[in-house]
Amino acid sequence: MSKETKMKKLENIPKKNIYEVPEGYFDKLPGMIQARIEKESPRTHFLFTWGTTLKYALPVVFIFIVGLIWFNQSDDKKGDFNSILATIETEDLVAYIGESDISTDELLDAALLDMQDAAAIEDEVYGDVYDEDLDALIEEFDIDLNNL
């Protein structure tokens, strides 16, 4: 089919106005639009309305609370070193160190002790041994300190 035959067929179709507009519709249209606009209450548009504020603020607050709870729980689990170490019995620590391949010199090099810590360790190891008791033991067993 050529263009001319198609054109002829289109020309042969009768032109009908299938849409009917009520009489005076376009004359009344601006008045109807104006009436609808006046019926709507004037709104003041804020940058953030309550819906928008809640939409963005609630997830942020929720994430903050979850993070705070998680952070506090992780702190409770960690505890400080001294409180964890205090739960371990001295005999268990001595046994662990005795079974390990760590020498005393390596332990002393790694330890950062002040005089209070050294005194506390000495009291724990030697207990409440006083000089008088020590002198009595030396005399009782007849120990010569010069030959040691």
N, C-alpha and C. Protein backbone atom coordinates (compact mmCIF):
# COMPACT_ATOMS: atom_id res chain seq x y z
N MET A 1 0.83 -1.17 0.00
CA MET A 1 0.00 0.00 0.00
C MET A 1 0.88 1.24 0.00
N SER A 2 0.51 2.11 -0.77
CA SER A 2 1.27 3.34 -0.86
C SER A 2 0.68 4.37 0.06
N LYS A 3 1.39 5.48 0.19
CA LYS A 3 0.93 6.55 1.07
C LYS A 3 -0.37 7.16 0.57
N GLU A 4 -0.48 7.22 -0.71
CA GLU A 4 -1.68 7.85 -1.29
C GLU A 4 -2.93 7.05 -0.96
N THR A 5 -2.82 5.73 -0.98
CA THR A 5 -3.99 4.94 -0.66
C THR A 5 -4.34 5.05 0.83
N LYS A 6 -3.33 5.13 1.64
CA LYS A 6 -3.59 5.33 3.06
C LYS A 6 -4.23 6.68 3.29
N MET A 7 -3.73 7.69 2.65
CA MET A 7 -4.27 9.03 2.82
C MET A 7 -5.72 9.10 2.36
N LYS A 8 -5.98 8.42 1.30
CA LYS A 8 -7.35 8.42 0.80
C LYS A 8 -8.28 7.76 1.80
N LYS A 9 -7.79 6.73 2.42
CA LYS A 9 -8.63 6.05 3.39
C LYS A 9 -8.89 6.94 4.61
N LEU A 10 -7.86 7.66 5.05
CA LEU A 10 -8.04 8.56 6.18
C LEU A 10 -8.97 9.71 5.83
N GLU A 11 -8.88 10.17 4.60
CA GLU A 11 -9.75 11.26 4.17
C GLU A 11 -11.19 10.81 4.08
N ASN A 12 -11.38 9.55 3.84
CA ASN A 12 -12.73 9.02 3.69
C ASN A 12 -13.44 8.84 5.04
N ILE A 13 -12.68 8.88 6.12
CA ILE A 13 -13.28 8.72 7.44
C ILE A 13 -13.98 10.01 7.79
N PRO A 14 -15.23 9.91 8.17
CA PRO A 14 -15.96 11.13 8.51
C PRO A 14 -15.46 11.72 9.83
N LYS A 15 -15.39 13.02 9.88
CA LYS A 15 -14.93 13.69 11.09
C LYS A 15 -16.13 13.99 11.98
N LYS A 16 -16.10 13.42 13.18
CA LYS A 16 -17.17 13.61 14.14
C LYS A 16 -16.58 14.19 15.42
N ASN A 17 -17.29 15.05 16.05
CA ASN A 17 -16.89 15.57 17.35
C ASN A 17 -17.54 14.67 18.40
N ILE A 18 -16.70 13.79 18.97
CA ILE A 18 -17.25 12.81 19.93
C ILE A 18 -17.37 13.40 21.33
N TYR A 19 -16.76 14.53 21.57
CA TYR A 19 -16.82 15.17 22.88
C TYR A 19 -17.84 16.28 22.85
N GLU A 20 -18.66 16.29 23.85
CA GLU A 20 -19.65 17.35 23.95
C GLU A 20 -19.38 18.16 25.21
N VAL A 21 -19.29 19.45 25.08
CA VAL A 21 -19.05 20.34 26.21
C VAL A 21 -20.36 21.03 26.51
N PRO A 22 -20.75 21.01 27.78
CA PRO A 22 -22.00 21.70 28.12
C PRO A 22 -21.91 23.18 27.76
N GLU A 23 -23.03 23.71 27.42
CA GLU A 23 -23.05 25.11 26.97
C GLU A 23 -22.68 26.04 28.12
N GLY A 24 -21.75 26.95 27.88
CA GLY A 24 -21.29 27.92 28.85
C GLY A 24 -20.26 27.35 29.85
N TYR A 25 -19.73 26.15 29.59
CA TYR A 25 -18.79 25.50 30.52
C TYR A 25 -17.52 26.33 30.67
N PHE A 26 -16.93 26.73 29.56
CA PHE A 26 -15.67 27.47 29.62
C PHE A 26 -15.88 28.88 30.17
N ASP A 27 -17.09 29.39 30.09
CA ASP A 27 -17.36 30.69 30.70
C ASP A 27 -17.40 30.58 32.23
N LYS A 28 -17.89 29.43 32.74
CA LYS A 28 -18.02 29.23 34.17
C LYS A 28 -16.74 28.66 34.81
N LEU A 29 -15.85 28.10 34.00
CA LEU A 29 -14.67 27.39 34.52
C LEU A 29 -13.79 28.27 35.42
N PRO A 30 -13.41 29.48 35.06
CA PRO A 30 -12.57 30.27 35.97
C PRO A 30 -13.25 30.53 37.32
N GLY A 31 -14.53 30.74 37.32
CA GLY A 31 -15.25 30.96 38.58
C GLY A 31 -15.25 29.72 39.45
N MET A 32 -15.39 28.53 38.82
CA MET A 32 -15.39 27.27 39.58
C MET A 32 -14.01 27.02 40.21
N ILE A 33 -12.97 27.30 39.45
CA ILE A 33 -11.60 27.10 39.98
C ILE A 33 -11.36 28.06 41.13
N GLN A 34 -11.77 29.31 40.97
CA GLN A 34 -11.57 30.30 42.02
C GLN A 34 -12.33 29.92 43.28
N ALA A 35 -13.51 29.37 43.13
CA ALA A 35 -14.32 28.95 44.28
C ALA A 35 -13.63 27.82 45.04
N ARG A 36 -13.04 26.88 44.31
CA ARG A 36 -12.33 25.78 44.97
C ARG A 36 -11.11 26.27 45.72
N ILE A 37 -10.41 27.21 45.14
CA ILE A 37 -9.21 27.73 45.80
C ILE A 37 -9.60 28.45 47.08
N GLU A 38 -10.68 29.22 47.06
CA GLU A 38 -11.10 29.96 48.24
C GLU A 38 -11.61 29.04 49.33
N LYS A 39 -12.18 27.89 48.97
CA LYS A 39 -12.69 26.95 49.96
C LYS A 39 -11.56 26.35 50.79
N GLU A 40 -10.41 26.08 50.18
CA GLU A 40 -9.30 25.49 50.91
C GLU A 40 -8.78 26.49 51.91
N SER A 41 -8.53 26.00 53.11
CA SER A 41 -8.01 26.89 54.15
C SER A 41 -6.55 27.18 53.83
N PRO A 42 -6.15 28.40 54.06
CA PRO A 42 -4.76 28.72 53.77
C PRO A 42 -3.84 28.02 54.77
N ARG A 43 -2.81 27.41 54.27
CA ARG A 43 -1.84 26.69 55.10
C ARG A 43 -0.56 27.49 55.18
N THR A 44 0.03 27.40 56.33
CA THR A 44 1.37 27.96 56.45
C THR A 44 2.34 26.80 56.32
N HIS A 45 3.24 26.89 55.45
CA HIS A 45 4.19 25.81 55.20
C HIS A 45 5.48 26.08 55.97
N PHE A 46 5.73 25.21 56.92
CA PHE A 46 6.97 25.29 57.66
C PHE A 46 8.02 24.48 56.92
N LEU A 47 9.26 24.73 57.28
CA LEU A 47 10.33 23.95 56.67
C LEU A 47 10.16 22.47 57.05
N PHE A 48 9.86 22.23 58.31
CA PHE A 48 9.60 20.86 58.76
C PHE A 48 8.23 20.82 59.39
N THR A 49 7.40 19.96 58.92
CA THR A 49 6.11 19.75 59.56
C THR A 49 6.28 18.62 60.57
N TRP A 50 5.26 18.40 61.37
CA TRP A 50 5.36 17.34 62.38
C TRP A 50 5.58 15.98 61.74
N GLY A 51 4.94 15.73 60.64
CA GLY A 51 5.11 14.44 59.97
C GLY A 51 6.53 14.24 59.49
N THR A 52 7.07 15.27 58.89
CA THR A 52 8.45 15.19 58.41
C THR A 52 9.42 15.07 59.57
N THR A 53 9.16 15.82 60.62
CA THR A 53 10.05 15.78 61.78
C THR A 53 10.06 14.38 62.39
N LEU A 54 8.88 13.82 62.60
CA LEU A 54 8.82 12.47 63.17
C LEU A 54 9.41 11.44 62.22
N LYS A 55 9.22 11.65 60.96
CA LYS A 55 9.71 10.71 59.95
C LYS A 55 11.24 10.59 60.02
N TYR A 56 11.92 11.68 60.27
CA TYR A 56 13.37 11.65 60.31
C TYR A 56 13.93 11.56 61.73
N ALA A 57 13.23 12.13 62.70
CA ALA A 57 13.76 12.17 64.06
C ALA A 57 13.62 10.83 64.77
N LEU A 58 12.53 10.13 64.59
CA LEU A 58 12.33 8.87 65.29
C LEU A 58 13.39 7.82 64.95
N PRO A 59 13.74 7.62 63.68
CA PRO A 59 14.81 6.65 63.41
C PRO A 59 16.15 7.06 64.02
N VAL A 60 16.45 8.35 64.03
CA VAL A 60 17.71 8.81 64.62
C VAL A 60 17.70 8.56 66.12
N VAL A 61 16.61 8.86 66.78
CA VAL A 61 16.51 8.62 68.22
C VAL A 61 16.59 7.12 68.51
N PHE A 62 15.94 6.31 67.71
CA PHE A 62 15.97 4.86 67.90
C PHE A 62 17.40 4.33 67.76
N ILE A 63 18.10 4.75 66.73
CA ILE A 63 19.48 4.30 66.52
C ILE A 63 20.37 4.77 67.67
N PHE A 64 20.15 5.98 68.15
CA PHE A 64 20.93 6.50 69.27
C PHE A 64 20.71 5.65 70.52
N ILE A 65 19.46 5.31 70.82
CA ILE A 65 19.16 4.52 72.01
C ILE A 65 19.75 3.12 71.90
N VAL A 66 19.61 2.50 70.73
CA VAL A 66 20.18 1.16 70.53
C VAL A 66 21.70 1.21 70.68
N GLY A 67 22.34 2.23 70.11
CA GLY A 67 23.78 2.37 70.24
C GLY A 67 24.22 2.58 71.67
N LEU A 68 23.46 3.36 72.41
CA LEU A 68 23.77 3.61 73.81
C LEU A 68 23.66 2.33 74.63
N ILE A 69 22.62 1.56 74.40
CA ILE A 69 22.44 0.29 75.12
C ILE A 69 23.57 -0.67 74.76
N TRP A 70 23.90 -0.76 73.49
CA TRP A 70 24.96 -1.67 73.04
C TRP A 70 26.30 -1.26 73.63
N PHE A 71 26.57 0.04 73.64
CA PHE A 71 27.84 0.54 74.17
C PHE A 71 27.95 0.24 75.66
N ASN A 72 26.87 0.44 76.41
CA ASN A 72 26.90 0.18 77.86
C ASN A 72 27.07 -1.30 78.15
N GLN A 73 26.45 -2.15 77.36
CA GLN A 73 26.60 -3.59 77.58
C GLN A 73 28.01 -4.04 77.28
N SER A 74 28.62 -3.50 76.23
CA SER A 74 29.98 -3.91 75.90
C SER A 74 30.95 -3.44 76.98
N ASP A 75 30.69 -2.30 77.63
CA ASP A 75 31.55 -1.83 78.72
C ASP A 75 31.42 -2.76 79.93
N ASP A 76 30.21 -3.23 80.20
CA ASP A 76 30.01 -4.13 81.34
C ASP A 76 30.75 -5.45 81.13
N LYS A 77 30.78 -5.92 79.91
CA LYS A 77 31.44 -7.19 79.63
C LYS A 77 32.94 -7.07 79.76
N LYS A 78 33.49 -5.95 79.35
CA LYS A 78 34.94 -5.78 79.38
C LYS A 78 35.42 -5.66 80.81
N GLY A 79 34.84 -4.77 81.58
CA GLY A 79 35.31 -4.52 82.94
C GLY A 79 36.72 -3.97 82.90
N ASP A 80 37.23 -3.57 84.02
CA ASP A 80 38.61 -3.13 84.01
C ASP A 80 39.51 -4.30 84.38
N PHE A 81 40.75 -4.16 84.03
CA PHE A 81 41.72 -5.24 84.17
C PHE A 81 41.85 -5.69 85.62
N ASN A 82 41.90 -4.74 86.51
CA ASN A 82 42.10 -5.08 87.93
C ASN A 82 40.94 -5.88 88.50
N SER A 83 39.70 -5.56 88.11
CA SER A 83 38.56 -6.31 88.63
C SER A 83 38.54 -7.74 88.09
N ILE A 84 38.95 -7.90 86.84
CA ILE A 84 39.01 -9.26 86.27
C ILE A 84 40.13 -10.05 86.94
N LEU A 85 41.27 -9.40 87.12
CA LEU A 85 42.41 -10.07 87.74
C LEU A 85 42.11 -10.44 89.19
N ALA A 86 41.31 -9.63 89.87
CA ALA A 86 40.98 -9.90 91.26
C ALA A 86 40.12 -11.16 91.41
N THR A 87 39.43 -11.55 90.36
CA THR A 87 38.59 -12.74 90.44
C THR A 87 39.40 -14.03 90.33
N ILE A 88 40.65 -13.94 89.90
CA ILE A 88 41.50 -15.12 89.73
C ILE A 88 42.29 -15.35 91.03
N GLU A 89 42.28 -16.57 91.47
CA GLU A 89 42.99 -16.91 92.71
C GLU A 89 44.50 -16.83 92.48
N THR A 90 45.22 -16.43 93.53
CA THR A 90 46.68 -16.29 93.45
C THR A 90 47.34 -17.62 93.13
N GLU A 91 46.83 -18.70 93.72
CA GLU A 91 47.41 -20.02 93.47
C GLU A 91 47.28 -20.40 92.00
N ASP A 92 46.15 -20.04 91.39
CA ASP A 92 45.94 -20.34 89.97
C ASP A 92 46.92 -19.56 89.10
N LEU A 93 47.16 -18.30 89.46
CA LEU A 93 48.12 -17.49 88.71
C LEU A 93 49.52 -18.05 88.83
N VAL A 94 49.91 -18.43 90.05
CA VAL A 94 51.25 -19.00 90.28
C VAL A 94 51.39 -20.30 89.50
N ALA A 95 50.35 -21.14 89.50
CA ALA A 95 50.41 -22.40 88.77
C ALA A 95 50.52 -22.16 87.27
N TYR A 96 49.79 -21.17 86.77
CA TYR A 96 49.85 -20.85 85.33
C TYR A 96 51.24 -20.37 84.94
N ILE A 97 51.79 -19.48 85.74
CA ILE A 97 53.12 -18.95 85.43
C ILE A 97 54.17 -20.06 85.55
N GLY A 98 54.01 -20.94 86.54
CA GLY A 98 54.94 -22.06 86.70
C GLY A 98 54.91 -23.02 85.52
N GLU A 99 53.75 -23.23 84.92
CA GLU A 99 53.63 -24.15 83.79
C GLU A 99 54.03 -23.51 82.46
N SER A 100 54.08 -22.19 82.41
CA SER A 100 54.42 -21.53 81.15
C SER A 100 55.93 -21.46 80.99
N ASP A 101 56.34 -21.09 79.80
CA ASP A 101 57.77 -20.99 79.49
C ASP A 101 58.31 -19.59 79.75
N ILE A 102 57.60 -18.78 80.49
CA ILE A 102 58.02 -17.41 80.78
C ILE A 102 58.99 -17.44 81.96
N SER A 103 60.13 -16.80 81.78
CA SER A 103 61.10 -16.75 82.88
C SER A 103 60.75 -15.60 83.82
N THR A 104 61.34 -15.65 85.00
CA THR A 104 61.11 -14.60 85.99
C THR A 104 61.61 -13.25 85.48
N ASP A 105 62.76 -13.27 84.79
CA ASP A 105 63.29 -12.02 84.24
C ASP A 105 62.34 -11.42 83.22
N GLU A 106 61.75 -12.26 82.37
CA GLU A 106 60.79 -11.75 81.39
C GLU A 106 59.56 -11.16 82.07
N LEU A 107 59.10 -11.81 83.13
CA LEU A 107 57.96 -11.27 83.88
C LEU A 107 58.29 -9.92 84.51
N LEU A 108 59.48 -9.81 85.10
CA LEU A 108 59.87 -8.56 85.73
C LEU A 108 60.07 -7.45 84.71
N ASP A 109 60.57 -7.80 83.52
CA ASP A 109 60.74 -6.80 82.46
C ASP A 109 59.38 -6.29 81.98
N ALA A 110 58.39 -7.19 81.90
CA ALA A 110 57.07 -6.81 81.38
C ALA A 110 56.23 -6.09 82.43
N ALA A 111 56.51 -6.34 83.70
CA ALA A 111 55.69 -5.75 84.76
C ALA A 111 56.13 -4.32 85.04
N LEU A 112 55.16 -3.47 85.19
CA LEU A 112 55.42 -2.09 85.59
C LEU A 112 54.91 -1.94 87.02
N LEU A 113 55.79 -2.17 87.96
CA LEU A 113 55.39 -2.17 89.36
C LEU A 113 55.94 -0.93 90.06
N ASP A 114 55.13 -0.37 90.93
CA ASP A 114 55.63 0.68 91.80
C ASP A 114 55.89 0.05 93.17
N MET A 115 56.30 0.84 94.12
CA MET A 115 56.67 0.31 95.43
C MET A 115 55.47 -0.32 96.15
N GLN A 116 54.30 0.25 95.97
CA GLN A 116 53.11 -0.32 96.62
C GLN A 116 52.81 -1.71 96.07
N ASP A 117 52.90 -1.86 94.74
CA ASP A 117 52.64 -3.16 94.12
C ASP A 117 53.68 -4.19 94.59
N ALA A 118 54.95 -3.78 94.64
CA ALA A 118 56.00 -4.69 95.09
C ALA A 118 55.79 -5.11 96.54
N ALA A 119 55.40 -4.17 97.37
CA ALA A 119 55.14 -4.49 98.78
C ALA A 119 53.95 -5.42 98.92
N ALA A 120 52.91 -5.21 98.12
CA ALA A 120 51.73 -6.07 98.17
C ALA A 120 52.08 -7.49 97.74
N ILE A 121 52.90 -7.62 96.71
CA ILE A 121 53.31 -8.96 96.24
C ILE A 121 54.17 -9.63 97.30
N GLU A 122 55.08 -8.88 97.90
CA GLU A 122 55.95 -9.44 98.95
C GLU A 122 55.13 -9.92 100.13
N ASP A 123 54.13 -9.13 100.53
CA ASP A 123 53.27 -9.55 101.64
C ASP A 123 52.48 -10.81 101.28
N GLU A 124 52.03 -10.89 100.03
CA GLU A 124 51.26 -12.06 99.60
C GLU A 124 52.12 -13.31 99.59
N VAL A 125 53.36 -13.19 99.14
CA VAL A 125 54.24 -14.35 99.03
C VAL A 125 54.77 -14.77 100.39
N TYR A 126 55.26 -13.81 101.15
CA TYR A 126 55.90 -14.15 102.43
C TYR A 126 54.95 -14.11 103.61
N GLY A 127 53.79 -13.53 103.40
CA GLY A 127 52.82 -13.47 104.48
C GLY A 127 53.26 -12.49 105.56
N ASP A 128 52.88 -12.78 106.79
CA ASP A 128 53.18 -11.89 107.92
C ASP A 128 54.42 -12.39 108.68
N VAL A 129 55.52 -12.49 107.99
CA VAL A 129 56.76 -12.92 108.63
C VAL A 129 57.49 -11.66 109.09
N TYR A 130 57.76 -11.59 110.36
CA TYR A 130 58.44 -10.42 110.93
C TYR A 130 59.92 -10.76 111.13
N ASP A 131 60.69 -9.74 111.31
CA ASP A 131 62.13 -9.94 111.51
C ASP A 131 62.41 -10.82 112.73
N GLU A 132 61.61 -10.65 113.78
CA GLU A 132 61.81 -11.45 114.99
C GLU A 132 61.56 -12.93 114.70
N ASP A 133 60.51 -13.20 113.94
CA ASP A 133 60.22 -14.59 113.58
C ASP A 133 61.33 -15.15 112.70
N LEU A 134 61.81 -14.33 111.79
CA LEU A 134 62.87 -14.76 110.89
C LEU A 134 64.15 -15.05 111.69
N ASP A 135 64.49 -14.18 112.64
CA ASP A 135 65.66 -14.40 113.49
C ASP A 135 65.51 -15.68 114.30
N ALA A 136 64.32 -15.93 114.78
CA ALA A 136 64.07 -17.14 115.56
C ALA A 136 64.24 -18.39 114.70
N LEU A 137 63.77 -18.33 113.46
CA LEU A 137 63.93 -19.48 112.56
C LEU A 137 65.39 -19.71 112.20
N ILE A 138 66.14 -18.64 112.01
CA ILE A 138 67.57 -18.77 111.68
C ILE A 138 68.32 -19.42 112.83
N GLU A 139 68.01 -18.99 114.07
CA GLU A 139 68.67 -19.59 115.24
C GLU A 139 68.24 -21.03 115.45
N GLU A 140 66.95 -21.30 115.19
CA GLU A 140 66.44 -22.66 115.42
C GLU A 140 67.09 -23.66 114.46
N PHE A 141 67.25 -23.31 113.24
CA PHE A 141 67.81 -24.23 112.25
C PHE A 141 69.31 -24.03 112.08
N ASP A 142 69.88 -23.14 112.85
CA ASP A 142 71.30 -22.87 112.84
C ASP A 142 71.79 -22.62 111.41
N ILE A 143 71.25 -21.59 110.79
CA ILE A 143 71.59 -21.23 109.42
C ILE A 143 72.63 -20.16 109.46
N ASP A 144 73.70 -20.37 108.66
CA ASP A 144 74.75 -19.37 108.55
C ASP A 144 74.48 -18.56 107.29
N LEU A 145 74.08 -17.28 107.45
CA LEU A 145 73.74 -16.44 106.33
C LEU A 145 74.94 -16.01 105.51
N ASN A 146 76.09 -16.06 106.08
CA ASN A 146 77.32 -15.65 105.36
C ASN A 146 77.74 -16.69 104.33
N ASN A 147 77.38 -17.93 104.51
CA ASN A 147 77.80 -19.00 103.59
C ASN A 147 76.75 -19.30 102.52
N LEU A 148 75.74 -18.55 102.44
CA LEU A 148 74.70 -18.80 101.43
C LEU A 148 75.11 -18.32 100.13
